[in-house]
N, C-alpha and C. Protein backbone atom coordinates (compact mmCIF):
# COMPACT_ATOMS: atom_id res chain seq x y z
N MET A 1 32.92 -74.09 15.22
CA MET A 1 32.11 -73.30 16.10
C MET A 1 30.80 -73.02 15.38
N ALA A 2 29.70 -73.29 16.08
CA ALA A 2 28.39 -73.09 15.48
C ALA A 2 27.86 -71.72 15.86
N PHE A 3 27.29 -71.03 14.91
CA PHE A 3 26.69 -69.72 15.16
C PHE A 3 25.19 -69.85 15.04
N LEU A 4 24.49 -69.17 15.94
CA LEU A 4 23.04 -69.09 15.84
C LEU A 4 22.71 -67.80 15.12
N PHE A 5 21.75 -67.89 14.25
CA PHE A 5 21.39 -66.71 13.48
C PHE A 5 19.94 -66.34 13.73
N ALA A 6 19.72 -65.06 13.87
CA ALA A 6 18.36 -64.54 14.01
C ALA A 6 17.70 -64.60 12.65
N PRO A 7 16.38 -64.49 12.61
CA PRO A 7 15.69 -64.55 11.31
C PRO A 7 16.23 -63.54 10.31
N SER A 8 16.81 -62.42 10.77
CA SER A 8 17.31 -61.41 9.84
C SER A 8 18.66 -61.81 9.26
N GLY A 9 19.23 -62.93 9.73
CA GLY A 9 20.52 -63.38 9.23
C GLY A 9 21.69 -62.90 10.05
N LEU A 10 21.47 -62.06 11.06
CA LEU A 10 22.55 -61.59 11.93
C LEU A 10 22.81 -62.61 13.03
N ALA A 11 24.05 -62.68 13.49
CA ALA A 11 24.39 -63.60 14.58
C ALA A 11 23.70 -63.14 15.86
N MET A 12 23.20 -64.10 16.68
CA MET A 12 22.52 -63.78 17.93
C MET A 12 23.55 -63.69 19.06
N PRO A 13 23.35 -62.77 19.99
CA PRO A 13 24.29 -62.67 21.12
C PRO A 13 24.16 -63.88 22.03
N ARG A 14 25.24 -64.20 22.74
CA ARG A 14 25.23 -65.32 23.67
C ARG A 14 25.38 -64.77 25.09
N PHE A 15 24.72 -65.40 26.04
CA PHE A 15 24.75 -64.96 27.43
C PHE A 15 25.06 -66.14 28.34
N LYS A 16 25.66 -65.82 29.48
CA LYS A 16 25.89 -66.84 30.49
C LYS A 16 24.53 -67.26 31.05
N PRO A 17 24.35 -68.55 31.27
CA PRO A 17 23.06 -69.00 31.82
C PRO A 17 22.93 -68.59 33.29
N TYR A 18 21.69 -68.36 33.72
CA TYR A 18 21.42 -68.11 35.13
C TYR A 18 20.07 -68.69 35.48
N ASP A 19 19.94 -69.12 36.72
CA ASP A 19 18.70 -69.74 37.18
C ASP A 19 18.45 -69.31 38.62
N THR A 20 17.42 -68.54 38.83
CA THR A 20 17.13 -68.04 40.18
C THR A 20 16.48 -69.11 41.06
N ARG A 21 16.15 -70.26 40.52
CA ARG A 21 15.52 -71.32 41.29
C ARG A 21 16.52 -72.27 41.94
N GLN A 22 17.80 -71.98 41.79
CA GLN A 22 18.80 -72.88 42.35
C GLN A 22 18.98 -72.66 43.85
N ASN A 23 19.37 -73.72 44.54
CA ASN A 23 19.67 -73.62 45.96
C ASN A 23 21.08 -73.09 46.13
N LEU A 24 21.26 -72.26 47.14
CA LEU A 24 22.56 -71.67 47.40
C LEU A 24 22.80 -71.69 48.89
N LEU A 25 23.87 -72.29 49.30
CA LEU A 25 24.21 -72.31 50.72
C LEU A 25 25.37 -71.37 50.95
N LEU A 26 25.11 -70.34 51.73
CA LEU A 26 26.14 -69.36 52.04
C LEU A 26 26.50 -69.48 53.52
N PRO A 27 27.67 -69.98 53.83
CA PRO A 27 28.06 -70.04 55.24
C PRO A 27 28.40 -68.63 55.74
N ILE A 28 27.61 -68.15 56.68
CA ILE A 28 27.82 -66.80 57.21
C ILE A 28 28.05 -66.89 58.71
N ASN A 29 29.19 -66.38 59.13
CA ASN A 29 29.47 -66.25 60.55
C ASN A 29 28.93 -64.88 60.95
N LEU A 30 27.87 -64.87 61.74
CA LEU A 30 27.21 -63.60 62.06
C LEU A 30 28.14 -62.64 62.79
N ALA A 31 28.98 -63.15 63.66
CA ALA A 31 29.89 -62.27 64.41
C ALA A 31 30.84 -61.54 63.46
N GLU A 32 31.21 -62.16 62.35
CA GLU A 32 32.12 -61.53 61.40
C GLU A 32 31.45 -60.41 60.61
N GLN A 33 30.14 -60.31 60.68
CA GLN A 33 29.42 -59.25 59.97
C GLN A 33 29.50 -57.92 60.73
N LEU A 34 29.92 -57.98 61.99
CA LEU A 34 30.08 -56.78 62.80
C LEU A 34 31.54 -56.36 62.70
N VAL A 35 31.80 -55.40 61.86
CA VAL A 35 33.15 -54.97 61.52
C VAL A 35 33.76 -54.16 62.67
N PRO A 36 34.94 -54.56 63.16
CA PRO A 36 35.58 -53.79 64.23
C PRO A 36 35.73 -52.31 63.83
N GLY A 37 35.42 -51.44 64.78
CA GLY A 37 35.49 -50.01 64.53
C GLY A 37 34.18 -49.40 64.08
N SER A 38 33.20 -50.24 63.74
CA SER A 38 31.91 -49.72 63.30
C SER A 38 31.00 -49.49 64.51
N PHE A 39 29.94 -48.72 64.30
CA PHE A 39 28.99 -48.46 65.37
C PHE A 39 28.36 -49.75 65.86
N GLU A 40 27.97 -50.63 64.94
CA GLU A 40 27.29 -51.87 65.34
C GLU A 40 28.21 -52.79 66.14
N TYR A 41 29.49 -52.83 65.79
CA TYR A 41 30.46 -53.64 66.54
C TYR A 41 30.58 -53.09 67.97
N THR A 42 30.70 -51.77 68.08
CA THR A 42 30.83 -51.13 69.38
C THR A 42 29.55 -51.32 70.20
N LEU A 43 28.40 -51.16 69.56
CA LEU A 43 27.12 -51.36 70.24
C LEU A 43 27.03 -52.78 70.78
N ASN A 44 27.37 -53.75 69.96
CA ASN A 44 27.33 -55.15 70.37
C ASN A 44 28.24 -55.38 71.58
N TYR A 45 29.45 -54.84 71.54
CA TYR A 45 30.39 -55.00 72.64
C TYR A 45 29.87 -54.31 73.90
N LEU A 46 29.39 -53.07 73.77
CA LEU A 46 28.93 -52.33 74.93
C LEU A 46 27.76 -53.02 75.63
N VAL A 47 26.80 -53.48 74.86
CA VAL A 47 25.63 -54.14 75.46
C VAL A 47 26.05 -55.45 76.13
N ASP A 48 26.97 -56.18 75.52
CA ASP A 48 27.40 -57.46 76.09
C ASP A 48 28.34 -57.32 77.28
N HIS A 49 29.15 -56.24 77.31
CA HIS A 49 30.20 -56.16 78.32
C HIS A 49 30.18 -54.95 79.24
N GLU A 50 29.55 -53.87 78.85
CA GLU A 50 29.65 -52.63 79.62
C GLU A 50 28.33 -52.15 80.21
N ILE A 51 27.23 -52.49 79.60
CA ILE A 51 25.93 -51.96 80.03
C ILE A 51 25.20 -53.03 80.84
N ASP A 52 24.65 -52.60 81.97
CA ASP A 52 23.91 -53.51 82.85
C ASP A 52 22.47 -53.64 82.32
N THR A 53 22.18 -54.76 81.69
CA THR A 53 20.85 -54.97 81.13
C THR A 53 19.92 -55.65 82.13
N SER A 54 20.38 -55.88 83.35
CA SER A 54 19.52 -56.52 84.35
C SER A 54 18.37 -55.60 84.75
N ILE A 55 18.45 -54.31 84.41
CA ILE A 55 17.34 -53.40 84.71
C ILE A 55 16.06 -53.82 84.00
N PHE A 56 16.17 -54.63 82.97
CA PHE A 56 15.00 -55.11 82.24
C PHE A 56 14.39 -56.36 82.86
N HIS A 57 15.12 -57.08 83.68
CA HIS A 57 14.70 -58.40 84.15
C HIS A 57 13.43 -58.37 84.99
N ASP A 58 13.20 -57.31 85.76
CA ASP A 58 12.00 -57.24 86.60
C ASP A 58 10.71 -57.20 85.78
N HIS A 59 10.81 -56.87 84.51
CA HIS A 59 9.63 -56.78 83.65
C HIS A 59 9.19 -58.14 83.11
N TYR A 60 9.98 -59.17 83.36
CA TYR A 60 9.67 -60.51 82.86
C TYR A 60 9.25 -61.40 84.02
N HIS A 61 8.13 -62.10 83.83
CA HIS A 61 7.58 -62.97 84.89
C HIS A 61 7.35 -64.37 84.33
N ASN A 62 8.37 -64.94 83.74
CA ASN A 62 8.24 -66.27 83.15
C ASN A 62 9.28 -67.23 83.72
N ASP A 63 9.65 -67.02 84.99
CA ASP A 63 10.71 -67.83 85.58
C ASP A 63 10.32 -69.30 85.75
N GLU A 64 9.05 -69.59 86.03
CA GLU A 64 8.64 -70.97 86.22
C GLU A 64 7.73 -71.47 85.10
N THR A 65 6.90 -70.60 84.61
CA THR A 65 5.98 -70.99 83.55
C THR A 65 6.03 -69.94 82.45
N GLY A 66 5.40 -70.25 81.38
CA GLY A 66 5.33 -69.30 80.28
C GLY A 66 6.41 -69.56 79.24
N ARG A 67 6.22 -68.92 78.15
CA ARG A 67 7.12 -69.06 77.02
C ARG A 67 8.45 -68.35 77.28
N LEU A 68 9.53 -68.87 76.73
CA LEU A 68 10.82 -68.21 76.84
C LEU A 68 10.76 -66.86 76.13
N ALA A 69 11.32 -65.85 76.76
CA ALA A 69 11.32 -64.50 76.20
C ALA A 69 12.60 -64.27 75.41
N TYR A 70 12.54 -63.32 74.49
CA TYR A 70 13.75 -62.88 73.81
C TYR A 70 14.62 -62.16 74.84
N ASP A 71 15.91 -62.37 74.76
CA ASP A 71 16.84 -61.73 75.68
C ASP A 71 16.75 -60.22 75.49
N PRO A 72 16.53 -59.47 76.58
CA PRO A 72 16.44 -58.01 76.43
C PRO A 72 17.73 -57.39 75.90
N ALA A 73 18.88 -58.01 76.14
CA ALA A 73 20.13 -57.49 75.58
C ALA A 73 20.09 -57.52 74.05
N MET A 74 19.57 -58.62 73.49
CA MET A 74 19.45 -58.73 72.04
C MET A 74 18.47 -57.70 71.51
N GLN A 75 17.33 -57.57 72.19
CA GLN A 75 16.33 -56.59 71.75
C GLN A 75 16.89 -55.17 71.83
N LEU A 76 17.64 -54.91 72.88
CA LEU A 76 18.24 -53.59 73.04
C LEU A 76 19.20 -53.28 71.90
N LYS A 77 20.03 -54.25 71.53
CA LYS A 77 20.96 -54.05 70.41
C LYS A 77 20.21 -53.72 69.13
N VAL A 78 19.17 -54.50 68.86
CA VAL A 78 18.41 -54.31 67.63
C VAL A 78 17.73 -52.94 67.63
N VAL A 79 17.09 -52.59 68.73
CA VAL A 79 16.36 -51.32 68.80
C VAL A 79 17.32 -50.14 68.72
N LEU A 80 18.42 -50.19 69.46
CA LEU A 80 19.37 -49.07 69.42
C LEU A 80 20.01 -48.93 68.05
N PHE A 81 20.33 -50.06 67.41
CA PHE A 81 20.90 -49.97 66.06
C PHE A 81 19.87 -49.41 65.09
N ALA A 82 18.63 -49.85 65.23
CA ALA A 82 17.57 -49.33 64.37
C ALA A 82 17.42 -47.82 64.57
N TYR A 83 17.40 -47.38 65.82
CA TYR A 83 17.31 -45.95 66.09
C TYR A 83 18.48 -45.19 65.47
N SER A 84 19.66 -45.78 65.54
CA SER A 84 20.83 -45.10 64.99
C SER A 84 20.74 -44.95 63.48
N ARG A 85 19.90 -45.75 62.84
CA ARG A 85 19.71 -45.68 61.40
C ARG A 85 18.41 -44.97 61.03
N GLY A 86 17.75 -44.38 62.04
CA GLY A 86 16.51 -43.66 61.77
C GLY A 86 15.30 -44.55 61.61
N ILE A 87 15.41 -45.81 61.98
CA ILE A 87 14.29 -46.74 61.87
C ILE A 87 13.59 -46.80 63.22
N THR A 88 12.34 -46.34 63.28
CA THR A 88 11.61 -46.36 64.54
C THR A 88 10.36 -47.23 64.47
N SER A 89 9.97 -47.66 63.31
CA SER A 89 8.79 -48.51 63.15
C SER A 89 9.14 -49.95 63.52
N SER A 90 8.33 -50.55 64.38
CA SER A 90 8.59 -51.94 64.78
C SER A 90 8.46 -52.90 63.59
N ARG A 91 7.59 -52.59 62.67
CA ARG A 91 7.47 -53.43 61.46
C ARG A 91 8.73 -53.34 60.60
N ARG A 92 9.29 -52.15 60.49
CA ARG A 92 10.52 -51.99 59.71
C ARG A 92 11.71 -52.65 60.42
N ILE A 93 11.71 -52.61 61.75
CA ILE A 93 12.77 -53.28 62.51
C ILE A 93 12.67 -54.79 62.31
N GLU A 94 11.45 -55.31 62.36
CA GLU A 94 11.25 -56.75 62.13
C GLU A 94 11.75 -57.13 60.73
N LYS A 95 11.40 -56.33 59.74
CA LYS A 95 11.83 -56.59 58.36
C LYS A 95 13.34 -56.55 58.26
N ALA A 96 13.97 -55.58 58.91
CA ALA A 96 15.43 -55.48 58.90
C ALA A 96 16.07 -56.72 59.53
N CYS A 97 15.45 -57.26 60.58
CA CYS A 97 15.99 -58.47 61.22
C CYS A 97 15.91 -59.68 60.30
N ARG A 98 15.01 -59.65 59.33
CA ARG A 98 14.90 -60.74 58.36
C ARG A 98 15.79 -60.53 57.14
N GLU A 99 16.06 -59.26 56.77
CA GLU A 99 16.68 -58.98 55.48
C GLU A 99 18.06 -58.35 55.54
N ASN A 100 18.44 -57.74 56.66
CA ASN A 100 19.70 -57.02 56.76
C ASN A 100 20.68 -57.83 57.59
N VAL A 101 21.84 -58.13 57.04
CA VAL A 101 22.79 -59.02 57.71
C VAL A 101 23.31 -58.44 59.02
N VAL A 102 23.42 -57.13 59.15
CA VAL A 102 23.87 -56.54 60.41
C VAL A 102 22.81 -56.75 61.49
N PHE A 103 21.55 -56.53 61.15
CA PHE A 103 20.47 -56.79 62.10
C PHE A 103 20.43 -58.27 62.45
N MET A 104 20.66 -59.13 61.46
CA MET A 104 20.70 -60.57 61.73
C MET A 104 21.81 -60.90 62.71
N ALA A 105 22.95 -60.26 62.53
CA ALA A 105 24.08 -60.52 63.42
C ALA A 105 23.77 -60.04 64.84
N LEU A 106 23.22 -58.85 64.97
CA LEU A 106 22.91 -58.31 66.29
C LEU A 106 21.83 -59.11 67.00
N SER A 107 20.90 -59.68 66.25
CA SER A 107 19.81 -60.46 66.84
C SER A 107 20.11 -61.95 66.87
N ALA A 108 21.31 -62.33 66.42
CA ALA A 108 21.67 -63.75 66.30
C ALA A 108 20.62 -64.49 65.46
N ASP A 109 20.12 -63.81 64.46
CA ASP A 109 19.11 -64.32 63.53
C ASP A 109 17.85 -64.81 64.25
N SER A 110 17.44 -64.11 65.33
CA SER A 110 16.25 -64.50 66.09
C SER A 110 14.95 -64.11 65.40
N GLN A 111 14.98 -63.04 64.64
CA GLN A 111 13.82 -62.54 63.92
C GLN A 111 12.60 -62.33 64.81
N PRO A 112 12.70 -61.44 65.80
CA PRO A 112 11.54 -61.18 66.65
C PRO A 112 10.40 -60.54 65.87
N HIS A 113 9.17 -60.89 66.25
CA HIS A 113 7.97 -60.36 65.61
C HIS A 113 7.82 -58.88 65.95
N PHE A 114 7.19 -58.11 65.07
CA PHE A 114 7.07 -56.67 65.30
C PHE A 114 6.31 -56.36 66.59
N THR A 115 5.37 -57.22 66.99
CA THR A 115 4.64 -56.95 68.23
C THR A 115 5.56 -57.12 69.44
N THR A 116 6.49 -58.03 69.37
CA THR A 116 7.48 -58.22 70.44
C THR A 116 8.36 -56.98 70.54
N ILE A 117 8.79 -56.48 69.40
CA ILE A 117 9.64 -55.28 69.36
C ILE A 117 8.86 -54.08 69.89
N ALA A 118 7.62 -53.92 69.42
CA ALA A 118 6.80 -52.79 69.86
C ALA A 118 6.53 -52.86 71.37
N ASP A 119 6.28 -54.06 71.87
CA ASP A 119 6.04 -54.22 73.30
C ASP A 119 7.30 -53.87 74.10
N PHE A 120 8.45 -54.31 73.62
CA PHE A 120 9.71 -54.00 74.30
C PHE A 120 9.93 -52.49 74.34
N ILE A 121 9.71 -51.83 73.22
CA ILE A 121 9.92 -50.38 73.14
C ILE A 121 8.93 -49.64 74.04
N SER A 122 7.66 -50.04 74.01
CA SER A 122 6.66 -49.32 74.80
C SER A 122 6.83 -49.56 76.30
N ARG A 123 7.17 -50.78 76.70
CA ARG A 123 7.35 -51.06 78.12
C ARG A 123 8.69 -50.56 78.65
N MET A 124 9.68 -50.47 77.80
CA MET A 124 11.03 -50.14 78.24
C MET A 124 11.54 -48.82 77.66
N HIS A 125 10.64 -47.93 77.24
CA HIS A 125 11.09 -46.73 76.52
C HIS A 125 12.02 -45.85 77.35
N LYS A 126 11.79 -45.71 78.63
CA LYS A 126 12.69 -44.85 79.42
C LYS A 126 14.09 -45.44 79.55
N PRO A 127 14.23 -46.71 79.98
CA PRO A 127 15.60 -47.25 80.05
C PRO A 127 16.28 -47.35 78.69
N VAL A 128 15.50 -47.65 77.64
CA VAL A 128 16.09 -47.74 76.31
C VAL A 128 16.62 -46.38 75.88
N GLY A 129 15.84 -45.34 76.08
CA GLY A 129 16.29 -43.98 75.73
C GLY A 129 17.53 -43.57 76.49
N GLN A 130 17.56 -43.87 77.79
CA GLN A 130 18.73 -43.54 78.61
C GLN A 130 19.96 -44.31 78.15
N LEU A 131 19.78 -45.61 77.86
CA LEU A 131 20.91 -46.42 77.40
C LEU A 131 21.38 -45.99 76.02
N PHE A 132 20.45 -45.56 75.17
CA PHE A 132 20.81 -45.08 73.84
C PHE A 132 21.74 -43.88 73.95
N ILE A 133 21.39 -42.94 74.81
CA ILE A 133 22.23 -41.76 75.01
C ILE A 133 23.59 -42.16 75.58
N GLN A 134 23.58 -43.14 76.51
CA GLN A 134 24.84 -43.65 77.07
C GLN A 134 25.73 -44.22 75.98
N VAL A 135 25.15 -45.03 75.12
CA VAL A 135 25.90 -45.65 74.02
C VAL A 135 26.46 -44.57 73.10
N LEU A 136 25.64 -43.57 72.76
CA LEU A 136 26.10 -42.50 71.87
C LEU A 136 27.24 -41.71 72.50
N MET A 137 27.15 -41.47 73.80
CA MET A 137 28.21 -40.73 74.47
C MET A 137 29.53 -41.52 74.45
N ILE A 138 29.44 -42.81 74.70
CA ILE A 138 30.65 -43.65 74.67
C ILE A 138 31.22 -43.68 73.26
N CYS A 139 30.34 -43.82 72.26
CA CYS A 139 30.81 -43.84 70.87
C CYS A 139 31.46 -42.51 70.49
N ASP A 140 30.91 -41.41 70.97
CA ASP A 140 31.52 -40.11 70.70
C ASP A 140 32.90 -40.03 71.34
N GLN A 141 33.04 -40.54 72.55
CA GLN A 141 34.34 -40.56 73.22
C GLN A 141 35.35 -41.40 72.45
N LEU A 142 34.84 -42.44 71.78
CA LEU A 142 35.72 -43.31 70.99
C LEU A 142 35.94 -42.76 69.58
N GLY A 143 35.26 -41.66 69.23
CA GLY A 143 35.42 -41.06 67.91
C GLY A 143 34.61 -41.73 66.83
N LEU A 144 33.52 -42.41 67.18
CA LEU A 144 32.68 -43.08 66.19
C LEU A 144 31.44 -42.25 65.87
N ASN A 145 31.13 -42.09 64.60
CA ASN A 145 29.87 -41.51 64.14
C ASN A 145 29.53 -40.16 64.75
N CYS A 146 30.47 -39.29 64.94
CA CYS A 146 30.21 -38.03 65.63
C CYS A 146 29.31 -37.09 64.85
N LYS A 147 29.22 -37.22 63.55
CA LYS A 147 28.43 -36.28 62.78
C LYS A 147 27.18 -36.92 62.19
N ASP A 148 26.90 -38.18 62.53
CA ASP A 148 25.72 -38.85 62.01
C ASP A 148 24.46 -38.34 62.69
N ILE A 149 23.34 -38.55 62.02
CA ILE A 149 22.06 -38.18 62.59
C ILE A 149 21.41 -39.44 63.16
N PHE A 150 20.86 -39.31 64.35
CA PHE A 150 20.21 -40.42 65.02
C PHE A 150 18.78 -40.06 65.30
N ALA A 151 17.92 -41.07 65.51
CA ALA A 151 16.51 -40.82 65.79
C ALA A 151 16.07 -41.61 67.00
N ILE A 152 15.35 -40.94 67.88
CA ILE A 152 14.72 -41.60 69.01
C ILE A 152 13.25 -41.21 68.96
N ASP A 153 12.36 -42.20 68.99
CA ASP A 153 10.92 -41.96 68.95
C ASP A 153 10.51 -41.10 67.76
N GLY A 154 11.19 -41.27 66.62
CA GLY A 154 10.82 -40.57 65.42
C GLY A 154 11.36 -39.17 65.29
N ARG A 155 12.02 -38.65 66.33
CA ARG A 155 12.58 -37.30 66.27
C ARG A 155 14.06 -37.40 65.94
N LYS A 156 14.47 -36.79 64.85
CA LYS A 156 15.86 -36.84 64.45
C LYS A 156 16.64 -35.71 65.12
N SER A 157 17.87 -36.02 65.49
CA SER A 157 18.73 -34.99 66.06
C SER A 157 20.17 -35.36 65.78
N VAL A 158 21.03 -34.36 65.80
CA VAL A 158 22.44 -34.60 65.59
C VAL A 158 23.03 -35.03 66.92
N ILE A 159 24.01 -35.92 66.91
CA ILE A 159 24.54 -36.50 68.13
C ILE A 159 25.12 -35.46 69.08
N ASP A 160 25.83 -34.45 68.59
CA ASP A 160 26.50 -33.50 69.48
C ASP A 160 25.51 -32.75 70.37
N PRO A 161 24.41 -32.17 69.85
CA PRO A 161 23.46 -31.49 70.73
C PRO A 161 22.82 -32.44 71.73
N VAL A 162 22.59 -33.69 71.34
CA VAL A 162 22.01 -34.66 72.27
C VAL A 162 22.93 -34.81 73.47
N MET A 163 24.21 -34.92 73.23
CA MET A 163 25.15 -35.15 74.32
C MET A 163 25.40 -33.88 75.12
N GLN A 164 25.22 -32.72 74.54
CA GLN A 164 25.42 -31.49 75.29
C GLN A 164 24.29 -31.29 76.30
N ASP A 165 23.10 -31.86 76.01
CA ASP A 165 21.97 -31.72 76.93
C ASP A 165 22.06 -32.68 78.10
N THR A 166 22.91 -33.71 78.02
CA THR A 166 22.98 -34.69 79.10
C THR A 166 24.06 -34.36 80.09
């Protein structure tokens, strides 16, 4: 066994090699990132199966021409989840869709631009706010996140008083 010695004559420590320039392929099933029983799993299920998102369809006029729009159901999931985490900035929501695996799962890794998110929030603020309260009420009935703090439009509030006002 060969030992390396520092100029002082002491043995030098050895370390495992690492290289940050290597390629790494991580197979990620986005649906598996939404853990059953969590708020995000419930939110995903509610938006896909229980909430009527057709209320957003009249705001889109690209049926024959124009660019394909992001599905409002996906945008709703992302915005409501962001609100539940106190994130109200469209730039921070965009960043979360690029960097946070739960946001990636909810958006199906679509990575909408912050202007798209801001436009969705500003044009749809009333239905989004109403649906957010609906989702919170259902989650409370299911016993999820009853003591967490949520934010809508930058104002933080505890879930129980929000639901008592509705």
